[in-house]
Amino acid sequence: MNTASDLIVVERVIPERVGAKDLEIVMADLQMMVMNGGVERTESEFRELLLDSGFRVASVTTTGTPVS
């Protein structure tokens, strides 16, 4: 990539607070951790991760599906 490139990330963006009623999110996070060694992330966690990698988040667009 060069400085003129754009990066599009299509991922599940979980709420900042996840409660017991969010079983689908909890199960997806657990599956991600067990199967891939990863985690589901909140918008602020994505912003921090991308900023640390030299990117800037221009926007987050909800899609009406689990991914944004």
Protein backbone atom coordinates (compact mmCIF):
# COMPACT_ATOMS: atom_id res chain seq x y z
CA MET A 1 0.00 0.00 0.00
CA ASN A 2 1.06 3.57 -0.51
CA THR A 3 -0.13 6.75 1.22
CA ALA A 4 -2.89 7.25 -1.37
CA SER A 5 -4.38 3.77 -0.76
CA ASP A 6 -7.66 3.11 1.03
CA LEU A 7 -8.27 0.11 3.27
CA ILE A 8 -11.80 -1.24 3.63
CA VAL A 9 -12.40 -3.42 6.69
CA VAL A 10 -15.60 -5.48 6.82
CA GLU A 11 -15.97 -6.85 10.34
CA ARG A 12 -18.40 -7.31 13.18
CA VAL A 13 -18.25 -4.25 15.43
CA ILE A 14 -19.57 -5.15 18.86
CA PRO A 15 -21.14 -2.68 21.31
CA GLU A 16 -18.93 -1.06 23.95
CA ARG A 17 -20.88 -2.92 26.65
CA VAL A 18 -22.03 -6.50 26.12
CA GLY A 19 -24.51 -7.99 28.55
CA ALA A 20 -26.06 -11.38 29.15
CA LYS A 21 -28.79 -10.61 26.59
CA ASP A 22 -26.13 -10.44 23.86
CA LEU A 23 -25.59 -14.19 23.73
CA GLU A 24 -24.87 -14.21 19.98
CA ILE A 25 -22.04 -11.70 20.43
CA VAL A 26 -20.62 -13.55 23.44
CA MET A 27 -20.67 -16.86 21.53
CA ALA A 28 -19.06 -15.28 18.43
CA ASP A 29 -16.31 -13.79 20.61
CA LEU A 30 -15.73 -17.14 22.31
CA GLN A 31 -15.60 -18.95 18.97
CA MET A 32 -13.16 -16.38 17.57
CA MET A 33 -10.94 -16.79 20.63
CA VAL A 34 -10.96 -20.60 20.61
CA MET A 35 -10.77 -21.22 16.86
CA ASN A 36 -8.54 -18.37 15.69
CA GLY A 37 -6.91 -16.88 18.77
CA GLY A 38 -8.65 -13.57 18.03
CA VAL A 39 -11.37 -11.44 19.55
CA GLU A 40 -14.38 -9.45 18.44
CA ARG A 41 -13.72 -5.71 18.73
CA THR A 42 -15.63 -2.54 19.54
CA GLU A 43 -15.43 0.55 17.33
CA SER A 44 -12.97 2.19 19.72
CA GLU A 45 -10.78 -0.95 19.68
CA PHE A 46 -10.79 -0.96 15.86
CA ARG A 47 -9.88 2.74 15.83
CA GLU A 48 -6.96 2.13 18.22
CA LEU A 49 -5.75 -0.94 16.29
CA LEU A 50 -5.86 0.88 12.95
CA LEU A 51 -4.30 4.06 14.34
CA ASP A 52 -1.44 2.01 15.81
CA SER A 53 -0.96 0.52 12.32
CA GLY A 54 -0.78 3.94 10.66
CA PHE A 55 -4.36 4.12 9.38
CA ARG A 56 -7.16 6.61 10.04
CA VAL A 57 -10.79 5.55 10.35
CA ALA A 58 -12.86 7.75 8.05
CA SER A 59 -16.22 6.19 8.91
CA VAL A 60 -18.05 3.16 10.21
CA THR A 61 -21.15 2.19 8.24
CA THR A 62 -23.75 -0.17 9.66
CA THR A 63 -25.22 -2.59 7.13
CA GLY A 64 -28.24 -4.12 8.85
CA THR A 65 -26.21 -7.34 9.14
CA PRO A 66 -23.73 -8.46 11.82
CA VAL A 67 -20.88 -6.70 9.96
CA SER A 68 -20.13 -3.00 9.47
